[in-house]
Amino acid sequence: MTRRFRGARSLIRRFDACAETGFDRLRGRRAADHVFYVASELGDFSLAWVILGCLRGLRSGPSDERAALRLGGALVAESFMVNAVIKSMFRRTRPPWDVHRPRGLRRPLTSSFPSGHATSSFTAAVLLSEDDPLWPLYWGVAALIAGSRVYVKIHHASDVAAGVAVGVAMGLTIRTLVPLAQPPTETPAVGTPLEAVTRPS
């Protein structure tokens, strides 16, 4: 068991190192810095998803208001589950804070594992993409926010990968428990006698 555990940790370290190498090829470029730092900031307190959820709620579709309300409740539940429960179980150390960053960022105080930005983003993407032609936008924003946490060196890549998995699982669970479509109510067909509708079977 110990050997397997050590092997898993070795794989995780290699995965994190490969991701760091890949992001290093982008870091320092003005456009990339701007995009990823803004994305990371918009992920704080699920700000991007609150905005997108409100915009969907303002649309005129029959399920849009319900989708916005469902998202709001889901983000509260996700935040509690990740920050108060899951993170307290792992307490993983974040990447070193004293590194050069071209822009200031809020320093998180919680455990590194899993990434709350990734979890909330993919929970929201799963929920908002249901019955919405803008679903590619939601998934794209989720991927950008999640990846930004590695770019700005606040999370390990494995933290983000775990956050994506947890977020998708939570989103699918909430979609099952709180469906957008209301169950149809049976209405008597035109011409059906009242006795046939009210008569007990």
N, C-alpha and C. Protein backbone atom coordinates (compact mmCIF):
# COMPACT_ATOMS: atom_id res chain seq x y z
N MET A 1 0.83 -1.21 0.00
CA MET A 1 0.00 0.00 0.00
C MET A 1 0.86 1.26 0.00
N THR A 2 1.95 1.21 0.83
CA THR A 2 2.85 2.35 0.89
C THR A 2 3.51 2.60 -0.46
N ARG A 3 3.90 1.51 -1.13
CA ARG A 3 4.54 1.65 -2.44
C ARG A 3 3.58 2.26 -3.44
N ARG A 4 2.32 1.82 -3.41
CA ARG A 4 1.33 2.38 -4.33
C ARG A 4 1.10 3.86 -4.04
N PHE A 5 1.06 4.19 -2.76
CA PHE A 5 0.84 5.59 -2.38
C PHE A 5 1.99 6.45 -2.87
N ARG A 6 3.21 5.95 -2.70
CA ARG A 6 4.36 6.70 -3.17
C ARG A 6 4.35 6.83 -4.69
N GLY A 7 3.93 5.76 -5.37
CA GLY A 7 3.84 5.82 -6.83
C GLY A 7 2.82 6.83 -7.30
N ALA A 8 1.68 6.91 -6.60
CA ALA A 8 0.65 7.88 -6.96
C ALA A 8 1.15 9.30 -6.75
N ARG A 9 1.84 9.53 -5.64
CA ARG A 9 2.38 10.86 -5.37
C ARG A 9 3.43 11.25 -6.41
N SER A 10 4.20 10.27 -6.85
CA SER A 10 5.20 10.55 -7.87
C SER A 10 4.54 10.96 -9.19
N LEU A 11 3.47 10.26 -9.54
CA LEU A 11 2.74 10.60 -10.77
C LEU A 11 2.14 12.00 -10.68
N ILE A 12 1.61 12.34 -9.50
CA ILE A 12 1.02 13.66 -9.32
C ILE A 12 2.07 14.75 -9.45
N ARG A 13 3.24 14.52 -8.85
CA ARG A 13 4.32 15.51 -8.96
C ARG A 13 4.77 15.69 -10.41
N ARG A 14 4.85 14.58 -11.14
CA ARG A 14 5.25 14.67 -12.54
C ARG A 14 4.20 15.42 -13.36
N PHE A 15 2.93 15.15 -13.07
CA PHE A 15 1.85 15.85 -13.77
C PHE A 15 1.92 17.35 -13.49
N ASP A 16 2.12 17.71 -12.23
CA ASP A 16 2.22 19.12 -11.87
C ASP A 16 3.42 19.78 -12.55
N ALA A 17 4.56 19.07 -12.59
CA ALA A 17 5.77 19.62 -13.20
C ALA A 17 5.57 19.83 -14.70
N CYS A 18 4.92 18.89 -15.37
CA CYS A 18 4.67 19.04 -16.81
C CYS A 18 3.76 20.23 -17.09
N ALA A 19 2.73 20.40 -16.24
CA ALA A 19 1.83 21.54 -16.42
C ALA A 19 2.57 22.86 -16.21
N GLU A 20 3.42 22.90 -15.21
CA GLU A 20 4.20 24.12 -14.95
C GLU A 20 5.09 24.46 -16.14
N THR A 21 5.71 23.43 -16.70
CA THR A 21 6.57 23.66 -17.86
C THR A 21 5.76 24.23 -19.03
N GLY A 22 4.56 23.69 -19.23
CA GLY A 22 3.72 24.20 -20.31
C GLY A 22 3.30 25.64 -20.10
N PHE A 23 2.90 25.98 -18.87
CA PHE A 23 2.48 27.36 -18.60
C PHE A 23 3.66 28.33 -18.63
N ASP A 24 4.84 27.83 -18.30
CA ASP A 24 6.03 28.70 -18.35
C ASP A 24 6.26 29.26 -19.76
N ARG A 25 5.80 28.54 -20.77
CA ARG A 25 5.97 29.01 -22.14
C ARG A 25 5.06 30.21 -22.45
N LEU A 26 4.03 30.38 -21.62
CA LEU A 26 3.11 31.50 -21.81
C LEU A 26 3.38 32.65 -20.86
N ARG A 27 3.85 32.34 -19.67
CA ARG A 27 4.03 33.36 -18.65
C ARG A 27 5.00 34.44 -19.13
N GLY A 28 4.68 35.67 -18.75
CA GLY A 28 5.53 36.78 -19.11
C GLY A 28 5.10 37.50 -20.38
N ARG A 29 4.18 36.90 -21.12
CA ARG A 29 3.65 37.58 -22.30
C ARG A 29 2.50 38.48 -21.86
N ARG A 30 2.52 39.70 -22.31
CA ARG A 30 1.57 40.69 -21.81
C ARG A 30 0.12 40.25 -22.01
N ALA A 31 -0.20 39.78 -23.20
CA ALA A 31 -1.59 39.39 -23.47
C ALA A 31 -2.00 38.22 -22.59
N ALA A 32 -1.13 37.21 -22.46
CA ALA A 32 -1.46 36.05 -21.64
C ALA A 32 -1.60 36.44 -20.18
N ASP A 33 -0.69 37.29 -19.70
CA ASP A 33 -0.78 37.76 -18.31
C ASP A 33 -2.13 38.44 -18.07
N HIS A 34 -2.52 39.31 -18.98
CA HIS A 34 -3.77 40.04 -18.80
C HIS A 34 -4.96 39.09 -18.76
N VAL A 35 -5.03 38.18 -19.71
CA VAL A 35 -6.18 37.28 -19.80
C VAL A 35 -6.27 36.38 -18.57
N PHE A 36 -5.18 35.76 -18.18
CA PHE A 36 -5.23 34.79 -17.09
C PHE A 36 -5.40 35.46 -15.73
N TYR A 37 -4.79 36.62 -15.53
CA TYR A 37 -4.96 37.29 -14.23
C TYR A 37 -6.38 37.83 -14.09
N VAL A 38 -6.95 38.36 -15.15
CA VAL A 38 -8.34 38.82 -15.09
C VAL A 38 -9.27 37.64 -14.85
N ALA A 39 -9.02 36.53 -15.53
CA ALA A 39 -9.86 35.34 -15.35
C ALA A 39 -9.80 34.85 -13.91
N SER A 40 -8.60 34.85 -13.34
CA SER A 40 -8.46 34.41 -11.96
C SER A 40 -9.22 35.31 -11.00
N GLU A 41 -9.16 36.62 -11.24
CA GLU A 41 -9.88 37.57 -10.39
C GLU A 41 -11.39 37.42 -10.54
N LEU A 42 -11.85 37.16 -11.76
CA LEU A 42 -13.29 36.98 -11.97
C LEU A 42 -13.81 35.71 -11.33
N GLY A 43 -12.90 34.75 -11.10
CA GLY A 43 -13.31 33.53 -10.43
C GLY A 43 -13.45 33.68 -8.93
N ASP A 44 -12.88 34.75 -8.35
CA ASP A 44 -13.02 34.98 -6.91
C ASP A 44 -14.48 35.12 -6.53
N PHE A 45 -14.88 34.36 -5.52
CA PHE A 45 -16.26 34.38 -5.02
C PHE A 45 -17.28 34.10 -6.14
N SER A 46 -16.82 33.36 -7.17
CA SER A 46 -17.70 32.96 -8.29
C SER A 46 -18.32 34.16 -8.99
N LEU A 47 -17.60 35.29 -9.01
CA LEU A 47 -18.15 36.52 -9.58
C LEU A 47 -18.60 36.33 -11.02
N ALA A 48 -17.76 35.68 -11.84
CA ALA A 48 -18.11 35.48 -13.25
C ALA A 48 -19.42 34.70 -13.38
N TRP A 49 -19.61 33.73 -12.50
CA TRP A 49 -20.80 32.87 -12.61
C TRP A 49 -22.05 33.54 -12.07
N VAL A 50 -21.88 34.41 -11.09
CA VAL A 50 -23.01 35.19 -10.62
C VAL A 50 -23.50 36.10 -11.75
N ILE A 51 -22.55 36.72 -12.46
CA ILE A 51 -22.92 37.60 -13.58
C ILE A 51 -23.60 36.82 -14.69
N LEU A 52 -23.01 35.70 -15.09
CA LEU A 52 -23.59 34.90 -16.18
C LEU A 52 -24.94 34.32 -15.77
N GLY A 53 -25.06 33.91 -14.51
CA GLY A 53 -26.35 33.39 -14.04
C GLY A 53 -27.43 34.45 -14.07
N CYS A 54 -27.09 35.67 -13.64
CA CYS A 54 -28.06 36.76 -13.67
C CYS A 54 -28.48 37.09 -15.10
N LEU A 55 -27.51 37.10 -16.01
CA LEU A 55 -27.83 37.38 -17.41
C LEU A 55 -28.78 36.33 -17.97
N ARG A 56 -28.56 35.08 -17.61
CA ARG A 56 -29.49 34.06 -18.10
C ARG A 56 -30.86 34.23 -17.47
N GLY A 57 -30.91 34.59 -16.19
CA GLY A 57 -32.19 34.77 -15.54
C GLY A 57 -33.02 35.90 -16.13
N LEU A 58 -32.34 36.86 -16.75
CA LEU A 58 -33.05 38.00 -17.34
C LEU A 58 -33.61 37.68 -18.72
N ARG A 59 -33.22 36.53 -19.28
CA ARG A 59 -33.76 36.15 -20.58
C ARG A 59 -35.20 35.67 -20.44
N SER A 60 -35.86 35.51 -21.57
CA SER A 60 -37.31 35.29 -21.54
C SER A 60 -37.71 33.83 -21.68
N GLY A 61 -36.75 32.91 -21.71
CA GLY A 61 -37.11 31.50 -21.84
C GLY A 61 -37.81 30.97 -20.60
N PRO A 62 -38.63 29.94 -20.77
CA PRO A 62 -39.41 29.43 -19.63
C PRO A 62 -38.56 28.85 -18.51
N SER A 63 -37.35 28.37 -18.82
CA SER A 63 -36.52 27.75 -17.79
C SER A 63 -35.36 28.64 -17.35
N ASP A 64 -35.23 29.84 -17.92
CA ASP A 64 -34.07 30.66 -17.64
C ASP A 64 -34.04 31.16 -16.20
N GLU A 65 -35.18 31.60 -15.69
CA GLU A 65 -35.21 32.08 -14.31
C GLU A 65 -34.92 30.94 -13.34
N ARG A 66 -35.47 29.78 -13.61
CA ARG A 66 -35.21 28.61 -12.76
C ARG A 66 -33.74 28.21 -12.81
N ALA A 67 -33.13 28.32 -13.99
CA ALA A 67 -31.71 28.00 -14.13
C ALA A 67 -30.84 28.94 -13.30
N ALA A 68 -31.20 30.23 -13.29
CA ALA A 68 -30.43 31.21 -12.51
C ALA A 68 -30.57 30.95 -11.01
N LEU A 69 -31.79 30.66 -10.57
CA LEU A 69 -32.00 30.38 -9.15
C LEU A 69 -31.30 29.10 -8.73
N ARG A 70 -31.36 28.10 -9.59
CA ARG A 70 -30.69 26.84 -9.28
C ARG A 70 -29.19 27.04 -9.16
N LEU A 71 -28.62 27.85 -10.06
CA LEU A 71 -27.19 28.11 -10.02
C LEU A 71 -26.80 28.81 -8.72
N GLY A 72 -27.58 29.79 -8.29
CA GLY A 72 -27.27 30.50 -7.06
C GLY A 72 -27.21 29.56 -5.86
N GLY A 73 -28.20 28.69 -5.75
CA GLY A 73 -28.19 27.73 -4.65
C GLY A 73 -27.04 26.75 -4.75
N ALA A 74 -26.73 26.34 -5.99
CA ALA A 74 -25.64 25.38 -6.20
C ALA A 74 -24.30 25.97 -5.80
N LEU A 75 -24.06 27.25 -6.11
CA LEU A 75 -22.79 27.87 -5.77
C LEU A 75 -22.60 27.98 -4.26
N VAL A 76 -23.69 28.23 -3.54
CA VAL A 76 -23.60 28.26 -2.08
C VAL A 76 -23.25 26.87 -1.54
N ALA A 77 -23.94 25.85 -2.06
CA ALA A 77 -23.67 24.48 -1.61
C ALA A 77 -22.26 24.05 -1.98
N GLU A 78 -21.82 24.41 -3.17
CA GLU A 78 -20.47 24.03 -3.61
C GLU A 78 -19.41 24.68 -2.73
N SER A 79 -19.59 25.95 -2.41
CA SER A 79 -18.61 26.65 -1.59
C SER A 79 -18.48 26.01 -0.21
N PHE A 80 -19.61 25.67 0.38
CA PHE A 80 -19.57 25.03 1.70
C PHE A 80 -18.90 23.66 1.61
N MET A 81 -19.29 22.87 0.63
CA MET A 81 -18.76 21.52 0.50
C MET A 81 -17.24 21.53 0.29
N VAL A 82 -16.78 22.41 -0.59
CA VAL A 82 -15.35 22.43 -0.92
C VAL A 82 -14.53 23.08 0.19
N ASN A 83 -14.94 24.27 0.61
CA ASN A 83 -14.11 25.02 1.56
C ASN A 83 -14.22 24.52 2.99
N ALA A 84 -15.40 24.10 3.41
CA ALA A 84 -15.58 23.69 4.80
C ALA A 84 -15.37 22.20 5.01
N VAL A 85 -15.53 21.39 3.95
CA VAL A 85 -15.46 19.94 4.13
C VAL A 85 -14.23 19.35 3.44
N ILE A 86 -14.17 19.45 2.11
CA ILE A 86 -13.13 18.73 1.37
C ILE A 86 -11.74 19.30 1.67
N LYS A 87 -11.60 20.62 1.61
CA LYS A 87 -10.28 21.21 1.84
C LYS A 87 -9.75 20.89 3.24
N SER A 88 -10.65 20.83 4.23
CA SER A 88 -10.21 20.54 5.59
C SER A 88 -9.71 19.11 5.74
N MET A 89 -10.07 18.24 4.80
CA MET A 89 -9.62 16.85 4.86
C MET A 89 -8.22 16.68 4.30
N PHE A 90 -7.77 17.57 3.44
CA PHE A 90 -6.48 17.38 2.77
C PHE A 90 -5.41 18.36 3.24
N ARG A 91 -5.73 19.63 3.37
CA ARG A 91 -4.78 20.63 3.87
C ARG A 91 -3.47 20.63 3.08
N ARG A 92 -3.58 20.61 1.78
CA ARG A 92 -2.38 20.62 0.94
C ARG A 92 -1.78 22.02 0.86
N THR A 93 -0.47 22.10 0.90
CA THR A 93 0.22 23.37 0.82
C THR A 93 0.17 23.93 -0.60
N ARG A 94 -0.07 25.21 -0.71
CA ARG A 94 -0.11 25.85 -2.02
C ARG A 94 1.31 26.09 -2.54
N PRO A 95 1.42 26.39 -3.84
CA PRO A 95 2.74 26.77 -4.38
C PRO A 95 3.29 27.98 -3.63
N PRO A 96 4.60 28.17 -3.63
CA PRO A 96 5.20 29.29 -2.90
C PRO A 96 4.57 30.63 -3.31
N TRP A 97 4.31 31.48 -2.32
CA TRP A 97 3.68 32.76 -2.61
C TRP A 97 4.69 33.82 -3.03
N ASP A 98 5.92 33.69 -2.53
CA ASP A 98 6.92 34.73 -2.78
C ASP A 98 7.61 34.54 -4.13
N VAL A 99 6.80 34.57 -5.19
CA VAL A 99 7.33 34.51 -6.55
C VAL A 99 6.87 35.76 -7.27
N HIS A 100 7.54 36.07 -8.37
CA HIS A 100 7.18 37.27 -9.12
C HIS A 100 5.83 37.09 -9.80
N ARG A 101 4.95 38.05 -9.60
CA ARG A 101 3.68 38.10 -10.30
C ARG A 101 3.51 39.51 -10.84
N PRO A 102 3.16 39.66 -12.12
CA PRO A 102 3.04 41.00 -12.70
C PRO A 102 1.85 41.78 -12.17
N ARG A 103 0.90 41.09 -11.54
CA ARG A 103 -0.28 41.76 -10.99
C ARG A 103 -0.56 41.22 -9.60
N GLY A 104 -1.14 42.07 -8.76
CA GLY A 104 -1.48 41.64 -7.42
C GLY A 104 -2.71 40.73 -7.42
N LEU A 105 -2.75 39.82 -6.47
CA LEU A 105 -3.87 38.90 -6.34
C LEU A 105 -4.22 38.72 -4.87
N ARG A 106 -5.46 38.35 -4.62
CA ARG A 106 -5.88 38.01 -3.26
C ARG A 106 -5.22 36.70 -2.84
N ARG A 107 -4.58 36.70 -1.69
CA ARG A 107 -3.91 35.49 -1.22
C ARG A 107 -4.89 34.60 -0.49
N PRO A 108 -5.15 33.40 -0.99
CA PRO A 108 -6.10 32.50 -0.33
C PRO A 108 -5.53 31.98 0.99
N LEU A 109 -6.42 31.69 1.92
CA LEU A 109 -6.02 31.16 3.21
C LEU A 109 -6.37 29.68 3.37
N THR A 110 -7.12 29.14 2.43
CA THR A 110 -7.57 27.75 2.55
C THR A 110 -6.54 26.80 1.93
N SER A 111 -6.81 25.52 2.11
CA SER A 111 -5.96 24.47 1.54
C SER A 111 -5.94 24.56 0.02
N SER A 112 -4.87 24.04 -0.56
CA SER A 112 -4.72 24.10 -2.02
C SER A 112 -5.60 23.09 -2.75
N PHE A 113 -5.96 21.99 -2.09
CA PHE A 113 -6.64 20.88 -2.77
C PHE A 113 -8.07 20.73 -2.26
N PRO A 114 -9.03 20.70 -3.20
CA PRO A 114 -8.94 20.98 -4.63
C PRO A 114 -9.10 22.47 -4.90
N SER A 115 -8.97 22.86 -6.15
CA SER A 115 -9.14 24.26 -6.52
C SER A 115 -10.62 24.64 -6.46
N GLY A 116 -10.93 25.61 -5.60
CA GLY A 116 -12.31 26.08 -5.50
C GLY A 116 -12.76 26.79 -6.76
N HIS A 117 -11.85 27.51 -7.42
CA HIS A 117 -12.20 28.16 -8.67
C HIS A 117 -12.62 27.13 -9.72
N ALA A 118 -11.85 26.05 -9.81
CA ALA A 118 -12.17 25.01 -10.80
C ALA A 118 -13.48 24.32 -10.45
N THR A 119 -13.68 24.03 -9.16
CA THR A 119 -14.90 23.34 -8.75
C THR A 119 -16.14 24.18 -9.04
N SER A 120 -16.13 25.43 -8.61
CA SER A 120 -17.29 26.28 -8.83
C SER A 120 -17.52 26.52 -10.32
N SER A 121 -16.45 26.67 -11.08
CA SER A 121 -16.58 26.95 -12.51
C SER A 121 -17.23 25.79 -13.25
N PHE A 122 -16.80 24.58 -12.95
CA PHE A 122 -17.35 23.45 -13.69
C PHE A 122 -18.71 23.02 -13.15
N THR A 123 -18.98 23.28 -11.89
CA THR A 123 -20.35 23.10 -11.40
C THR A 123 -21.28 24.04 -12.17
N ALA A 124 -20.88 25.29 -12.28
CA ALA A 124 -21.70 26.28 -12.97
C ALA A 124 -21.84 25.96 -14.45
N ALA A 125 -20.75 25.53 -15.09
CA ALA A 125 -20.81 25.23 -16.52
C ALA A 125 -21.78 24.08 -16.80
N VAL A 126 -21.74 23.06 -15.97
CA VAL A 126 -22.67 21.93 -16.15
C VAL A 126 -24.11 22.40 -16.03
N LEU A 127 -24.38 23.26 -15.05
CA LEU A 127 -25.75 23.71 -14.81
C LEU A 127 -26.23 24.70 -15.87
N LEU A 128 -25.42 25.69 -16.18
CA LEU A 128 -25.86 26.71 -17.14
C LEU A 128 -25.96 26.18 -18.56
N SER A 129 -25.16 25.18 -18.89
CA SER A 129 -25.16 24.69 -20.27
C SER A 129 -26.40 23.87 -20.61
N GLU A 130 -27.16 23.49 -19.61
CA GLU A 130 -28.37 22.71 -19.88
C GLU A 130 -29.41 23.57 -20.62
N ASP A 131 -29.86 23.07 -21.74
CA ASP A 131 -30.89 23.75 -22.55
C ASP A 131 -30.51 25.18 -22.91
N ASP A 132 -29.24 25.41 -23.21
CA ASP A 132 -28.80 26.76 -23.56
C ASP A 132 -27.84 26.67 -24.74
N PRO A 133 -28.14 27.36 -25.83
CA PRO A 133 -27.24 27.33 -26.99
C PRO A 133 -25.88 27.98 -26.72
N LEU A 134 -25.76 28.70 -25.61
CA LEU A 134 -24.48 29.33 -25.26
C LEU A 134 -23.57 28.39 -24.48
N TRP A 135 -23.87 27.11 -24.48
CA TRP A 135 -23.08 26.17 -23.67
C TRP A 135 -21.59 26.21 -23.98
N PRO A 136 -21.13 26.43 -25.24
CA PRO A 136 -19.67 26.50 -25.44
C PRO A 136 -19.03 27.65 -24.66
N LEU A 137 -19.74 28.76 -24.52
CA LEU A 137 -19.23 29.89 -23.75
C LEU A 137 -18.97 29.49 -22.30
N TYR A 138 -19.94 28.80 -21.70
CA TYR A 138 -19.81 28.43 -20.29
C TYR A 138 -18.62 27.49 -20.08
N TRP A 139 -18.48 26.52 -20.94
CA TRP A 139 -17.37 25.57 -20.79
C TRP A 139 -16.03 26.27 -21.05
N GLY A 140 -16.01 27.19 -22.01
CA GLY A 140 -14.78 27.91 -22.29
C GLY A 140 -14.35 28.79 -21.12
N VAL A 141 -15.32 29.50 -20.53
CA VAL A 141 -15.01 30.35 -19.37
C VAL A 141 -14.54 29.49 -18.20
N ALA A 142 -15.19 28.35 -18.01
CA ALA A 142 -14.79 27.45 -16.91
C ALA A 142 -13.36 26.97 -17.08
N ALA A 143 -13.01 26.57 -18.30
CA ALA A 143 -11.65 26.08 -18.55
C ALA A 143 -10.63 27.20 -18.35
N LEU A 144 -10.97 28.41 -18.79
CA LEU A 144 -10.05 29.54 -18.65
C LEU A 144 -9.81 29.89 -17.18
N ILE A 145 -10.88 29.96 -16.40
CA ILE A 145 -10.74 30.29 -14.98
C ILE A 145 -9.96 29.20 -14.25
N ALA A 146 -10.28 27.94 -14.55
CA ALA A 146 -9.57 26.84 -13.88
C ALA A 146 -8.08 26.87 -14.23
N GLY A 147 -7.76 27.02 -15.50
CA GLY A 147 -6.37 27.04 -15.92
C GLY A 147 -5.61 28.24 -15.38
N SER A 148 -6.33 29.33 -15.16
CA SER A 148 -5.67 30.54 -14.68
C SER A 148 -5.05 30.34 -13.31
N ARG A 149 -5.60 29.43 -12.51
CA ARG A 149 -5.08 29.24 -11.16
C ARG A 149 -3.70 28.59 -11.17
N VAL A 150 -3.42 27.82 -12.20
CA VAL A 150 -2.06 27.28 -12.36
C VAL A 150 -1.16 28.37 -12.93
N TYR A 151 -1.67 29.11 -13.88
CA TYR A 151 -0.88 30.17 -14.52
C TYR A 151 -0.38 31.19 -13.50
N VAL A 152 -1.25 31.60 -12.57
CA VAL A 152 -0.86 32.62 -11.59
C VAL A 152 -0.17 32.01 -10.38
N LYS A 153 0.08 30.72 -10.41
CA LYS A 153 0.83 30.00 -9.37
C LYS A 153 0.17 30.06 -8.00
N ILE A 154 -1.14 29.86 -8.01
CA ILE A 154 -1.86 29.77 -6.74
C ILE A 154 -2.31 28.34 -6.48
N HIS A 155 -2.33 27.51 -7.52
CA HIS A 155 -2.70 26.10 -7.38
C HIS A 155 -1.74 25.22 -8.17
N HIS A 156 -1.61 24.00 -7.72
CA HIS A 156 -0.95 22.96 -8.50
C HIS A 156 -1.94 22.49 -9.57
N ALA A 157 -1.42 21.96 -10.67
CA ALA A 157 -2.29 21.48 -11.74
C ALA A 157 -3.20 20.35 -11.25
N SER A 158 -2.71 19.51 -10.36
CA SER A 158 -3.53 18.41 -9.84
C SER A 158 -4.67 18.94 -8.98
N ASP A 159 -4.48 20.08 -8.31
CA ASP A 159 -5.59 20.70 -7.58
C ASP A 159 -6.71 21.07 -8.54
N VAL A 160 -6.32 21.62 -9.68
CA VAL A 160 -7.30 22.03 -10.68
C VAL A 160 -8.00 20.82 -11.29
N ALA A 161 -7.23 19.78 -11.60
CA ALA A 161 -7.83 18.57 -12.18
C ALA A 161 -8.85 17.97 -11.23
N ALA A 162 -8.51 17.94 -9.94
CA ALA A 162 -9.46 17.42 -8.96
C ALA A 162 -10.68 18.31 -8.86
N GLY A 163 -10.47 19.62 -8.91
CA GLY A 163 -11.59 20.55 -8.86
C GLY A 163 -12.53 20.39 -10.04
N VAL A 164 -11.97 20.15 -11.22
CA VAL A 164 -12.81 19.91 -12.41
C VAL A 164 -13.68 18.67 -12.20
N ALA A 165 -13.07 17.59 -11.71
CA ALA A 165 -13.82 16.35 -11.49
C ALA A 165 -14.92 16.53 -10.46
N VAL A 166 -14.60 17.19 -9.36
CA VAL A 166 -15.60 17.42 -8.31
C VAL A 166 -16.71 18.33 -8.83
N GLY A 167 -16.34 19.36 -9.56
CA GLY A 167 -17.33 20.30 -10.09
C GLY A 167 -18.30 19.65 -11.06
N VAL A 168 -17.78 18.84 -11.97
CA VAL A 168 -18.65 18.14 -12.92
C VAL A 168 -19.59 17.18 -12.17
N ALA A 169 -19.04 16.47 -11.20
CA ALA A 169 -19.87 15.52 -10.43
C ALA A 169 -20.97 16.27 -9.67
N MET A 170 -20.63 17.38 -9.05
CA MET A 170 -21.64 18.15 -8.32
C MET A 170 -22.69 18.72 -9.27
N GLY A 171 -22.24 19.23 -10.42
CA GLY A 171 -23.19 19.79 -11.38
C GLY A 171 -24.17 18.75 -11.88
N LEU A 172 -23.67 17.58 -12.22
CA LEU A 172 -24.56 16.52 -12.71
C LEU A 172 -25.52 16.04 -11.63
N THR A 173 -25.03 15.98 -10.39
CA THR A 173 -25.90 15.58 -9.28
C THR A 173 -27.03 16.59 -9.08
N ILE A 174 -26.69 17.87 -9.12
CA ILE A 174 -27.71 18.91 -8.92
C ILE A 174 -28.67 18.93 -10.09
N ARG A 175 -28.18 18.70 -11.30
CA ARG A 175 -29.09 18.63 -12.46
C ARG A 175 -30.11 17.51 -12.29
N THR A 176 -29.69 16.41 -11.68
CA THR A 176 -30.60 15.29 -11.45
C THR A 176 -31.61 15.59 -10.35
N LEU A 177 -31.12 16.20 -9.27
CA LEU A 177 -31.99 16.47 -8.12
C LEU A 177 -32.91 17.66 -8.35
N VAL A 178 -32.43 18.64 -9.14
CA VAL A 178 -33.23 19.85 -9.38
C VAL A 178 -33.33 20.07 -10.88
N PRO A 179 -34.18 19.32 -11.55
CA PRO A 179 -34.28 19.45 -13.02
C PRO A 179 -34.88 20.79 -13.42
N LEU A 180 -34.48 21.26 -14.59
CA LEU A 180 -35.04 22.52 -15.09
C LEU A 180 -36.48 22.35 -15.53
N ALA A 181 -36.76 21.26 -16.21
CA ALA A 181 -38.10 21.03 -16.74
C ALA A 181 -39.02 20.56 -15.64
N GLN A 182 -40.13 21.24 -15.46
CA GLN A 182 -41.13 20.83 -14.50
C GLN A 182 -41.91 19.64 -15.04
N PRO A 183 -42.26 18.67 -14.21
CA PRO A 183 -43.05 17.54 -14.70
C PRO A 183 -44.39 18.02 -15.24
N PRO A 184 -44.81 17.51 -16.40
CA PRO A 184 -46.07 17.98 -16.99
C PRO A 184 -47.26 17.59 -16.12
N THR A 185 -48.22 18.50 -16.05
CA THR A 185 -49.45 18.22 -15.30
C THR A 185 -50.50 17.72 -16.28
N GLU A 186 -51.15 16.64 -15.90
CA GLU A 186 -52.15 16.05 -16.79
C GLU A 186 -53.41 16.91 -16.80
N THR A 187 -53.86 17.23 -17.99
CA THR A 187 -55.10 17.99 -18.15
C THR A 187 -56.07 17.14 -18.96
N PRO A 188 -57.32 17.15 -18.59
CA PRO A 188 -58.29 16.33 -19.33
C PRO A 188 -58.40 16.78 -20.78
N ALA A 189 -58.52 15.83 -21.67
CA ALA A 189 -58.67 16.14 -23.08
C ALA A 189 -59.98 16.85 -23.32
N VAL A 190 -59.99 17.64 -24.40
CA VAL A 190 -61.21 18.37 -24.76
C VAL A 190 -62.32 17.36 -25.03
N GLY A 191 -63.47 17.58 -24.40
CA GLY A 191 -64.61 16.69 -24.61
C GLY A 191 -64.69 15.57 -23.61
N THR A 192 -63.74 15.46 -22.68
CA THR A 192 -63.80 14.41 -21.68
C THR A 192 -64.84 14.76 -20.64
N PRO A 193 -65.79 13.86 -20.38
CA PRO A 193 -66.83 14.17 -19.38
C PRO A 193 -66.20 14.40 -18.02
N LEU A 194 -66.81 15.30 -17.22
CA LEU A 194 -66.28 15.62 -15.90
C LEU A 194 -66.30 14.38 -15.02
N GLU A 195 -67.30 13.51 -15.19
CA GLU A 195 -67.38 12.32 -14.36
C GLU A 195 -66.17 11.42 -14.59
N ALA A 196 -65.68 11.37 -15.86
CA ALA A 196 -64.55 10.49 -16.18
C ALA A 196 -63.26 11.01 -15.55
N VAL A 197 -63.18 12.35 -15.35
CA VAL A 197 -61.97 12.92 -14.76
C VAL A 197 -61.98 12.75 -13.25
N THR A 198 -63.16 12.93 -12.62
CA THR A 198 -63.22 12.92 -11.17
C THR A 198 -63.53 11.55 -10.60
N ARG A 199 -63.99 10.58 -11.45
CA ARG A 199 -64.35 9.27 -10.95
C ARG A 199 -63.10 8.54 -10.45
N PRO A 200 -63.11 8.03 -9.20
CA PRO A 200 -61.95 7.28 -8.70
C PRO A 200 -61.75 6.01 -9.47
N SER A 201 -60.51 5.61 -9.66
CA SER A 201 -60.22 4.38 -10.40
C SER A 201 -60.30 3.18 -9.47
